[in-house]
Protein backbone atom coordinates (compact mmCIF):
# COMPACT_ATOMS: atom_id res chain seq x y z
CA UNK A 1 -20.37 26.81 -11.88
CA UNK A 2 -21.33 23.81 -9.77
CA UNK A 3 -20.40 22.98 -6.21
CA UNK A 4 -18.96 19.57 -5.42
CA UNK A 5 -17.40 17.92 -2.42
CA UNK A 6 -20.33 18.63 -0.12
CA UNK A 7 -18.35 18.32 3.10
CA UNK A 8 -18.64 14.56 3.51
CA UNK A 9 -17.41 13.29 6.84
CA UNK A 10 -17.82 9.99 8.60
CA UNK A 11 -20.48 9.97 11.29
CA UNK A 12 -22.41 7.39 13.20
CA UNK A 13 -25.58 8.15 11.25
CA UNK A 14 -24.03 6.92 8.00
CA UNK A 15 -24.28 3.25 7.10
CA UNK A 16 -20.77 1.93 6.49
CA UNK A 17 -20.21 -0.49 3.62
CA UNK A 18 -16.73 -1.93 3.09
CA UNK A 19 -15.97 -3.30 -0.38
CA UNK A 20 -12.87 -5.43 -0.84
CA UNK A 21 -11.74 -8.30 -3.03
CA UNK A 22 -12.17 -10.79 -0.16
CA UNK A 23 -14.66 -11.10 2.66
CA UNK A 24 -13.19 -10.96 6.21
CA UNK A 25 -14.15 -14.63 6.64
CA UNK A 26 -13.24 -17.84 4.85
CA UNK A 27 -14.50 -21.38 4.62
CA UNK A 28 -13.10 -23.84 7.16
CA UNK A 29 -12.53 -27.52 6.45
CA UNK A 30 -16.02 -28.42 7.67
CA UNK A 31 -17.62 -25.76 5.44
CA UNK A 32 -18.43 -23.28 8.20
CA UNK A 33 -17.25 -19.66 8.18
CA UNK A 34 -14.28 -18.57 10.26
CA UNK A 35 -12.80 -15.10 10.74
CA UNK A 36 -9.74 -14.13 8.71
CA UNK A 37 -6.82 -12.12 10.03
CA UNK A 38 -5.00 -9.08 8.71
CA UNK A 39 -4.57 -5.37 9.25
CA UNK A 40 -7.67 -4.26 7.36
CA UNK A 41 -9.91 -6.86 9.01
CA UNK A 42 -8.61 -5.95 12.47
CA UNK A 43 -9.14 -2.24 11.84
CA UNK A 44 -12.55 -2.28 10.24
CA UNK A 45 -14.56 -5.13 11.78
CA UNK A 46 -15.04 -3.41 15.19
CA UNK A 47 -16.50 -0.35 13.45
CA UNK A 48 -18.71 -2.46 11.21
CA UNK A 49 -19.92 -4.41 14.23
CA UNK A 50 -20.70 -1.20 16.12
CA UNK A 51 -22.69 0.21 13.20
CA UNK A 52 -24.21 -3.10 12.11
CA UNK A 53 -22.38 -2.42 8.87
CA UNK A 54 -21.75 -4.53 5.80
CA UNK A 55 -18.75 -6.08 4.06
CA UNK A 56 -19.02 -6.96 0.37
CA UNK A 57 -16.44 -9.26 -1.20
CA UNK A 58 -15.62 -12.65 -2.67
CA UNK A 59 -15.66 -15.70 -0.39
CA UNK A 60 -12.39 -17.03 -1.80
CA UNK A 61 -14.08 -20.14 -3.22
CA UNK A 62 -14.82 -20.28 -6.98
CA UNK A 63 -18.47 -20.89 -7.86
CA UNK A 64 -19.51 -20.44 -4.22
CA UNK A 65 -23.30 -20.22 -3.95
CA UNK A 66 -23.28 -18.11 -0.77
CA UNK A 67 -24.91 -14.73 -1.16
CA UNK A 68 -25.67 -12.95 2.13
CA UNK A 69 -25.24 -13.94 5.76
CA UNK A 70 -24.55 -12.42 9.17
CA UNK A 71 -21.61 -13.33 11.38
CA UNK A 72 -20.37 -11.60 14.55
CA UNK A 73 -22.77 -8.70 14.09
CA UNK A 74 -21.61 -7.93 10.52
CA UNK A 75 -23.63 -8.44 7.37
CA UNK A 76 -21.60 -10.21 4.68
CA UNK A 77 -22.50 -10.11 0.99
CA UNK A 78 -20.63 -12.60 -1.17
CA UNK A 79 -19.79 -11.65 -4.75
CA UNK A 80 -19.66 -14.82 -6.88
CA UNK A 81 -16.77 -15.62 -9.17
CA UNK A 82 -16.24 -18.59 -11.49
CA UNK A 83 -12.99 -20.52 -11.74
CA UNK A 84 -12.36 -18.96 -15.15
CA UNK A 85 -12.90 -15.48 -13.71
CA UNK A 86 -10.52 -16.19 -10.85
CA UNK A 87 -7.89 -17.11 -13.43
CA UNK A 88 -8.40 -14.02 -15.60
CA UNK A 89 -9.36 -11.46 -12.94
CA UNK A 90 -7.27 -12.42 -9.91
CA UNK A 91 -4.31 -14.37 -11.24
CA UNK A 92 -4.41 -12.59 -14.59
CA UNK A 93 -5.10 -8.86 -14.50
CA UNK A 94 -4.69 -8.25 -10.76
CA UNK A 95 -1.50 -10.25 -10.25
CA UNK A 96 -0.12 -10.47 -13.76
CA UNK A 97 -0.70 -6.85 -14.79
CA UNK A 98 -1.43 -4.45 -11.92
CA UNK A 99 0.71 -6.04 -9.20
CA UNK A 100 4.03 -5.97 -11.11
CA UNK A 101 3.25 -2.64 -12.80
CA UNK A 102 2.41 -0.84 -9.57
CA UNK A 103 5.50 -2.34 -7.91
CA UNK A 104 7.78 -0.40 -10.24
CA UNK A 105 7.62 -3.18 -12.87
CA UNK A 106 10.21 -5.27 -10.99
CA UNK A 107 8.73 -8.07 -13.08
CA UNK A 108 7.44 -7.38 -16.58
CA UNK A 109 3.65 -6.91 -16.50
CA UNK A 110 1.48 -8.60 -19.10
CA UNK A 111 -1.17 -6.58 -20.92
CA UNK A 112 -3.90 -8.99 -22.02
CA UNK A 113 -7.13 -7.53 -23.44
CA UNK A 114 -9.03 -10.64 -22.34
CA UNK A 115 -7.88 -10.18 -18.74
CA UNK A 116 -8.92 -6.53 -18.89
CA UNK A 117 -12.42 -7.33 -20.09
CA UNK A 118 -12.93 -9.81 -17.26
CA UNK A 119 -11.53 -7.23 -14.81
CA UNK A 120 -14.19 -4.78 -16.07
CA UNK A 121 -16.91 -7.39 -15.70
CA UNK A 122 -15.93 -8.36 -12.16
CA UNK A 123 -15.64 -4.73 -11.05
CA UNK A 124 -19.12 -4.15 -12.49
CA UNK A 125 -20.43 -7.10 -10.48
CA UNK A 126 -19.01 -5.65 -7.26
CA UNK A 127 -20.56 -2.27 -8.04
CA UNK A 128 -23.94 -3.84 -8.74
CA UNK A 129 -23.73 -5.76 -5.46
CA UNK A 130 -23.16 -2.46 -3.65
CA UNK A 131 -26.05 -0.83 -5.50
CA UNK A 132 -28.46 -3.46 -4.15
CA UNK A 133 -27.50 -2.61 -0.57
CA UNK A 134 -26.59 1.10 -0.56
CA UNK A 135 -28.43 4.39 -0.41
CA UNK A 136 -27.32 7.90 -1.27
CA UNK A 137 -26.36 8.70 2.32
CA UNK A 138 -24.06 5.72 2.91
CA UNK A 139 -20.30 5.78 3.34
CA UNK A 140 -18.87 3.24 0.89
CA UNK A 141 -15.23 2.38 1.48
CA UNK A 142 -13.59 0.54 -1.46
CA UNK A 143 -10.19 -1.13 -1.09
CA UNK A 144 -7.18 -1.86 -3.23
CA UNK A 145 -6.03 -2.64 -6.73
CA UNK A 146 -8.57 -5.36 -7.43
CA UNK A 147 -11.40 -2.79 -7.56
CA UNK A 148 -9.96 0.29 -9.26
CA UNK A 149 -13.04 0.78 -11.45
CA UNK A 150 -15.67 0.41 -8.72
CA UNK A 151 -15.73 4.06 -7.50
CA UNK A 152 -16.53 5.25 -11.02
CA UNK A 153 -19.50 2.92 -11.34
CA UNK A 154 -20.75 3.74 -7.82
CA UNK A 155 -20.83 7.43 -8.69
CA UNK A 156 -23.34 6.51 -11.40
CA UNK A 157 -25.23 3.75 -9.57
CA UNK A 158 -25.48 5.33 -6.09
CA UNK A 159 -25.44 9.11 -6.64
CA UNK A 160 -24.91 11.12 -3.49
CA UNK A 161 -23.09 8.35 -1.62
CA UNK A 162 -19.84 9.13 0.19
CA UNK A 163 -17.41 6.99 -1.83
CA UNK A 164 -13.87 6.50 -0.56
CA UNK A 165 -11.01 4.40 -1.88
CA UNK A 166 -7.76 3.25 -0.30
CA UNK A 167 -4.83 1.79 -2.25
CA UNK A 168 -2.74 -0.53 -0.10
CA UNK A 169 0.04 -1.02 -2.66
CA UNK A 170 2.22 1.73 -4.20
CA UNK A 171 1.00 3.94 -7.01
CA UNK A 172 3.85 3.98 -9.55
CA UNK A 173 5.58 6.95 -11.17
CA UNK A 174 3.90 8.28 -14.30
CA UNK A 175 6.64 6.92 -16.54
CA UNK A 176 5.74 3.38 -15.41
CA UNK A 177 1.98 3.84 -15.10
CA UNK A 178 1.97 5.16 -18.68
CA UNK A 179 2.53 1.61 -19.97
CA UNK A 180 -0.97 0.56 -18.93
CA UNK A 181 -3.20 0.58 -22.04
CA UNK A 182 -6.27 1.27 -19.88
CA UNK A 183 -4.68 4.04 -17.82
CA UNK A 184 -7.45 6.59 -18.44
CA UNK A 185 -10.20 4.17 -17.45
CA UNK A 186 -8.38 3.36 -14.21
CA UNK A 187 -7.82 7.01 -13.36
CA UNK A 188 -11.41 7.97 -14.17
CA UNK A 189 -12.60 5.15 -11.94
CA UNK A 190 -10.57 6.46 -9.01
CA UNK A 191 -11.34 10.11 -9.67
CA UNK A 192 -15.04 9.42 -9.04
CA UNK A 193 -14.27 8.79 -5.36
CA UNK A 194 -14.62 11.63 -2.88
CA UNK A 195 -11.41 10.62 -1.12
CA UNK A 196 -8.55 8.50 -2.44
CA UNK A 197 -6.04 7.38 0.17
CA UNK A 198 -2.42 6.25 -0.26
CA UNK A 199 0.24 4.79 2.00
CA UNK A 200 2.88 7.39 1.23
CA UNK A 201 3.20 10.94 -0.04
CA UNK A 202 5.20 9.63 -3.00
CA UNK A 203 2.27 7.47 -4.14
CA UNK A 204 -0.17 10.34 -3.64
CA UNK A 205 2.06 12.65 -5.68
CA UNK A 206 2.42 10.02 -8.42
CA UNK A 207 -1.37 9.74 -8.62
CA UNK A 208 -1.89 13.50 -8.80
CA UNK A 209 0.68 13.80 -11.54
CA UNK A 210 -0.92 10.95 -13.49
CA UNK A 211 -4.33 12.66 -13.40
CA UNK A 212 -2.77 15.87 -14.67
CA UNK A 213 -0.87 14.13 -17.49
CA UNK A 214 -3.55 11.73 -18.72
CA UNK A 215 -6.84 13.42 -17.73
CA UNK A 216 -5.74 17.06 -17.83
CA UNK A 217 -7.16 17.40 -14.32
CA UNK A 218 -6.59 20.45 -12.15
CA UNK A 219 -4.23 19.47 -9.34
CA UNK A 220 -4.45 21.44 -6.11
CA UNK A 221 -2.45 21.04 -2.91
CA UNK A 222 -4.43 18.09 -1.50
CA UNK A 223 -7.11 17.46 -4.11
CA UNK A 224 -7.74 16.98 -7.81
CA UNK A 225 -10.62 18.40 -9.85
CA UNK A 226 -11.93 16.48 -12.87
CA UNK A 227 -15.24 16.98 -14.68
CA UNK A 228 -16.44 19.31 -11.92
CA UNK A 229 -15.84 16.67 -9.26
CA UNK A 230 -13.39 17.20 -6.40
CA UNK A 231 -11.37 14.23 -5.18
CA UNK A 232 -9.39 14.70 -2.00
CA UNK A 233 -6.00 12.95 -2.11
CA UNK A 234 -5.02 11.67 1.32
CA UNK A 235 -1.74 10.25 2.63
CA UNK A 236 -2.55 7.86 5.48
CA UNK A 237 -0.01 5.09 6.20
CA UNK A 238 -1.72 2.03 7.63
CA UNK A 239 -0.45 0.73 10.94
CA UNK A 240 -0.85 -2.20 13.34
CA UNK A 241 -2.80 -2.86 16.52
CA UNK A 242 -0.20 -1.58 18.97
CA UNK A 243 -2.03 -2.73 22.10
CA UNK A 244 -2.45 -6.27 20.80
CA UNK A 245 1.18 -6.77 19.73
CA UNK A 246 2.41 -5.07 22.90
CA UNK A 247 0.25 -7.42 24.98
CA UNK A 248 1.44 -10.57 23.20
CA UNK A 249 5.06 -9.40 23.17
CA UNK A 250 5.11 -8.79 26.93
CA UNK A 251 3.46 -12.07 27.92
CA UNK A 252 5.33 -14.73 29.86
CA UNK A 253 4.26 -17.32 27.29
CA UNK A 254 5.94 -15.36 24.49
CA UNK A 255 9.09 -14.84 26.55
CA UNK A 256 9.30 -18.56 27.32
CA UNK A 257 8.64 -19.42 23.68
CA UNK A 258 11.45 -17.13 22.53
CA UNK A 259 13.84 -18.78 24.99
CA UNK A 260 12.85 -22.26 23.77
CA UNK A 261 13.32 -21.19 20.16
CA UNK A 262 16.87 -20.02 20.84
CA UNK A 263 17.59 -23.28 22.65
CA UNK A 264 16.31 -25.29 19.69
CA UNK A 265 18.73 -23.38 17.48
CA UNK A 266 21.65 -24.21 19.77
CA UNK A 267 21.60 -20.90 21.68
CA UNK A 268 23.24 -18.81 18.94
CA UNK A 269 24.77 -15.50 19.85
CA UNK A 270 22.59 -13.68 17.31
CA UNK A 271 19.47 -14.41 15.26
CA UNK A 272 18.51 -12.62 12.06
CA UNK A 273 14.85 -13.11 11.17
CA UNK A 274 12.84 -12.58 8.01
CA UNK A 275 9.12 -13.28 7.51
CA UNK A 276 7.47 -12.53 4.17
CA UNK A 277 4.85 -13.71 1.78
CA UNK A 278 6.59 -15.61 -0.97
CA UNK A 279 6.61 -12.80 -3.52
CA UNK A 280 9.24 -11.42 -5.87
CA UNK A 281 8.74 -7.91 -4.44
CA UNK A 282 9.90 -8.99 -0.97
CA UNK A 283 13.57 -9.48 -1.81
CA UNK A 284 14.01 -12.77 0.06
CA UNK A 285 16.63 -13.93 -2.41
CA UNK A 286 18.80 -10.79 -2.16
CA UNK A 287 18.56 -10.95 1.65
CA UNK A 288 19.93 -14.49 1.58
CA UNK A 289 22.67 -13.47 -0.83
CA UNK A 290 23.67 -10.63 1.49
CA UNK A 291 23.87 -13.08 4.39
CA UNK A 292 25.93 -15.43 2.22
CA UNK A 293 28.35 -12.59 1.45
CA UNK A 294 28.57 -11.76 5.15
CA UNK A 295 29.56 -15.36 5.95
CA UNK A 296 32.15 -15.35 3.17
CA UNK A 297 33.74 -12.27 4.71
CA UNK A 298 33.26 -13.33 8.34
CA UNK A 299 33.33 -17.17 8.36
CA UNK A 300 33.28 -17.35 12.17
CA UNK A 301 29.71 -15.99 12.18
CA UNK A 302 28.48 -19.29 10.70
CA UNK A 303 28.89 -20.89 14.11
CA UNK A 304 27.35 -18.11 16.20
CA UNK A 305 24.66 -16.57 13.97
CA UNK A 306 21.45 -18.03 12.59
CA UNK A 307 19.21 -16.63 9.89
CA UNK A 308 15.60 -17.76 10.12
CA UNK A 309 13.54 -17.13 7.00
CA UNK A 310 9.81 -17.86 6.94
CA UNK A 311 8.23 -17.77 3.49
CA UNK A 312 4.44 -17.64 3.71
CA UNK A 313 2.69 -19.49 0.85
CA UNK A 314 1.25 -17.11 -1.72
CA UNK A 315 -0.29 -17.41 -5.21
CA UNK A 316 1.06 -20.92 -5.62
CA UNK A 317 -0.85 -21.37 -8.88
CA UNK A 318 1.40 -18.85 -10.64
CA UNK A 319 4.50 -20.22 -12.35
CA UNK A 320 6.73 -17.33 -11.30
CA UNK A 321 6.06 -18.04 -7.65
CA UNK A 322 6.84 -21.76 -7.92
CA UNK A 323 10.13 -20.92 -9.65
CA UNK A 324 10.95 -18.35 -6.99
CA UNK A 325 10.29 -20.86 -4.21
CA UNK A 326 12.66 -23.33 -5.82
CA UNK A 327 15.33 -20.65 -6.26
CA UNK A 328 15.12 -19.58 -2.60
CA UNK A 329 15.24 -23.16 -1.34
CA UNK A 330 18.31 -23.87 -3.48
CA UNK A 331 19.98 -20.68 -2.22
CA UNK A 332 19.37 -21.60 1.43
CA UNK A 333 20.66 -25.11 0.75
CA UNK A 334 23.82 -23.77 -0.89
CA UNK A 335 24.61 -21.50 2.07
CA UNK A 336 24.17 -24.38 4.50
CA UNK A 337 26.25 -26.79 2.42
CA UNK A 338 29.16 -24.34 2.22
CA UNK A 339 29.04 -22.72 5.67
CA UNK A 340 27.33 -25.33 7.84
CA UNK A 341 27.60 -28.94 8.88
CA UNK A 342 25.24 -31.55 10.25
CA UNK A 343 25.32 -29.96 13.71
CA UNK A 344 24.84 -26.33 12.72
CA UNK A 345 22.98 -24.79 9.83
CA UNK A 346 23.35 -21.01 9.40
CA UNK A 347 20.03 -20.73 7.51
CA UNK A 348 16.77 -22.16 8.83
CA UNK A 349 14.25 -21.80 6.02
CA UNK A 350 10.63 -22.89 6.13
CA UNK A 351 7.69 -22.50 3.79
CA UNK A 352 4.71 -22.13 6.10
CA UNK A 353 2.20 -19.80 7.70
CA UNK A 354 2.48 -18.78 11.35
CA UNK A 355 -0.33 -17.50 13.54
CA UNK A 356 0.09 -14.17 15.30
CA UNK A 357 1.31 -15.57 18.62
CA UNK A 358 3.92 -17.75 16.91
CA UNK A 359 5.11 -14.83 14.84
CA UNK A 360 5.53 -12.59 17.87
CA UNK A 361 7.57 -15.32 19.54
CA UNK A 362 9.98 -15.17 16.59
CA UNK A 363 10.01 -11.36 16.78
CA UNK A 364 11.01 -11.53 20.45
CA UNK A 365 13.74 -14.07 19.74
CA UNK A 366 15.26 -12.12 16.84
CA UNK A 367 18.19 -9.79 17.45
CA UNK A 368 17.88 -8.40 13.91
CA UNK A 369 14.67 -8.20 11.88
CA UNK A 370 15.40 -8.06 8.14
CA UNK A 371 12.60 -6.38 6.15
CA UNK A 372 14.17 -5.71 2.78
CA UNK A 373 11.57 -5.61 -0.02
CA UNK A 374 12.53 -4.31 -3.44
CA UNK A 375 9.38 -2.19 -3.26
CA UNK A 376 6.44 -2.25 -0.86
CA UNK A 377 3.42 -0.05 -0.22
CA UNK A 378 3.94 -0.21 3.54
CA UNK A 379 5.09 -3.56 5.03
CA UNK A 380 3.39 -4.20 8.35
CA UNK A 381 5.93 -6.85 9.40
CA UNK A 382 8.35 -4.02 10.19
CA UNK A 383 5.76 -2.35 12.43
CA UNK A 384 4.76 -5.65 14.04
CA UNK A 385 8.37 -6.30 15.01
CA UNK A 386 8.74 -2.89 16.63
CA UNK A 387 5.46 -3.10 18.55
CA UNK A 388 6.36 -6.59 19.78
CA UNK A 389 9.71 -5.49 21.24
CA UNK A 390 8.47 -4.49 24.67
CA UNK A 391 12.06 -4.88 25.92
CA UNK A 392 13.14 -2.01 23.61
CA UNK A 393 15.85 -4.23 22.17
CA UNK A 394 16.53 -5.51 18.67
CA UNK A 395 17.45 -3.89 15.39
CA UNK A 396 15.19 -3.35 12.40
CA UNK A 397 17.01 -3.65 9.07
CA UNK A 398 14.61 -1.91 6.69
CA UNK A 399 14.55 -1.33 2.94
CA UNK A 400 14.42 2.30 1.87
CA UNK A 401 11.81 1.22 -0.68
CA UNK A 402 9.27 0.06 1.91
CA UNK A 403 6.59 2.59 2.80
CA UNK A 404 7.36 1.95 6.47
CA UNK A 405 10.79 3.55 6.01
CA UNK A 406 9.09 6.97 5.88
CA UNK A 407 8.00 6.53 9.51
CA UNK A 408 10.53 4.15 11.06
CA UNK A 409 13.50 6.40 10.42
CA UNK A 410 15.46 5.04 13.39
CA UNK A 411 15.71 1.66 11.67
CA UNK A 412 18.92 0.75 9.88
CA UNK A 413 17.90 1.75 6.34
CA UNK A 414 19.36 -0.24 3.45
CA UNK A 415 19.21 -0.38 -0.34
CA UNK A 416 18.13 -3.97 -1.18
CA UNK A 417 19.70 -3.67 -4.63
CA UNK A 418 23.11 -3.20 -2.97
CA UNK A 419 24.02 -6.67 -1.71
CA UNK A 420 27.43 -5.53 -0.47
CA UNK A 421 25.85 -2.67 1.44
CA UNK A 422 23.24 -5.01 2.93
CA UNK A 423 25.93 -7.42 4.10
CA UNK A 424 27.77 -4.53 5.78
CA UNK A 425 24.52 -3.34 7.39
CA UNK A 426 23.88 -6.85 8.74
CA UNK A 427 27.33 -6.86 10.33
CA UNK A 428 26.70 -3.45 11.90
CA UNK A 429 23.29 -4.56 13.17
CA UNK A 430 24.79 -7.65 14.78
CA UNK A 431 27.31 -5.50 16.64
CA UNK A 432 25.21 -2.43 17.51
CA UNK A 433 25.56 -1.11 21.03
CA UNK A 434 22.60 -2.10 23.30
CA UNK A 435 22.04 1.53 24.33
CA UNK A 436 21.83 2.56 20.69
CA UNK A 437 19.34 -0.26 20.12
CA UNK A 438 17.24 0.90 23.05
CA UNK A 439 17.20 4.52 21.90
CA UNK A 440 16.18 3.60 18.36
CA UNK A 441 13.49 1.13 19.41
CA UNK A 442 12.03 3.44 22.05
CA UNK A 443 11.50 6.23 19.55
CA UNK A 444 9.93 3.92 16.98
CA UNK A 445 7.62 2.33 19.55
CA UNK A 446 6.50 5.74 20.82
CA UNK A 447 5.67 6.78 17.26
CA UNK A 448 3.66 3.63 16.54
CA UNK A 449 1.86 3.93 19.86
CA UNK A 450 0.54 7.31 18.70
CA UNK A 451 -0.07 6.28 15.10
CA UNK A 452 -1.62 2.86 15.50
CA UNK A 453 -4.30 1.03 13.55
CA UNK A 454 -7.15 2.84 15.29
CA UNK A 455 -5.55 6.17 14.46
CA UNK A 456 -5.31 5.16 10.79
CA UNK A 457 -8.97 4.20 10.65
CA UNK A 458 -10.01 7.50 12.21
CA UNK A 459 -7.84 9.45 9.78
CA UNK A 460 -9.38 7.83 6.72
CA UNK A 461 -12.99 7.71 7.86
CA UNK A 462 -13.10 11.09 9.61
CA UNK A 463 -11.47 13.01 6.76
CA UNK A 464 -13.81 15.19 4.77
CA UNK A 465 -13.92 16.92 1.41
CA UNK A 466 -14.12 20.70 1.73
CA UNK A 467 -16.64 22.48 -0.45
CA UNK A 468 -14.94 23.89 -3.51
CA UNK A 469 -16.35 25.92 -6.37
CA UNK A 470 -15.10 24.76 -9.74
């Protein structure tokens, strides 16, 4: 019998190569590179900079001729993609097939053989790009649903490398995953990794069960064995940079901005805030309907309560998203026409992106933060709100179907499919005792202080695969 899982563990002697759909930089208007923002970028770039590591990904621009460059102490390798490939790979298979399927099929996924073939080709291109740069002793960290096949190819192209994969979205139950015509190929791709990480235990369990059902793998407590290869299955919920959000949230500039924001809204008694990418998984429409029901039951709240909803532009080229934007705008307009007048509008809706400082200002102004996705791998907005509330005030209204609900148990947990229940929860949140608010927020902040973004990175990179005879 062979031995696998040779005790890989992250160490400073290993070269670190991050592989993701996008590079951590993007083109500015003048054509220069500028740093992007986001949880993964914030977590990984300091480590890459320290190790003089490498990030491999697409630049975000079709037919971009860039190949390799250095910026801020990090080597960047650009994987080219044509406009046609962007359509079939990104908008097609990634966002028309995998995204809805892995989000419990809340929208019907489309299974197009042409999309799948382009997905295979693009994943192969990423793997070949890694092969040119990697050696057998490197730690190669692959990310998310765009690159599900890459670990399998790397096992063949870079034998001996420490290959790890992290899925940022949910892994669906077997009964849903079973619909995917290429389910075995996807599972075999992931099973070639030494470690596969998930946001929640439920996703990890779904993955283990899928490997047993479709690959006849041997499932152990925290690992899976397939073709004499051991894959450790890790639950590691991603978090936020606690120190950064705490710093911004406690600044005088943020406090003054929050005060000005409330003044601009007419100094309402309460503010409910929602901030989401415009996506059908986020439940923006049901949140607005719940608020509408609340105003129907409690008409006096229309004069004293404001709901601010920021919808961040996302995948605008897809028809479903354009239709959803129109539906949400019409819903907000209907609420205002029925319950508002020219001097007061209960709903303040905007379709825009906010930078981090602006977002924290809204967090500090909000009495209730509504994070009510229909399904979500984690949802960092919920954690950002908590870490920004340095005053230990405010209420988090959180969907039970967000991964964050497994950690932020002191939030007011709601079922987003129950509009009546959500309306009742909003009323309770608006009237919750300040001492109860403080107790809930203090516990959540303490938990996120311990389990912050740095802690997540250490958990994933310092985990190892124990030697196992199979």
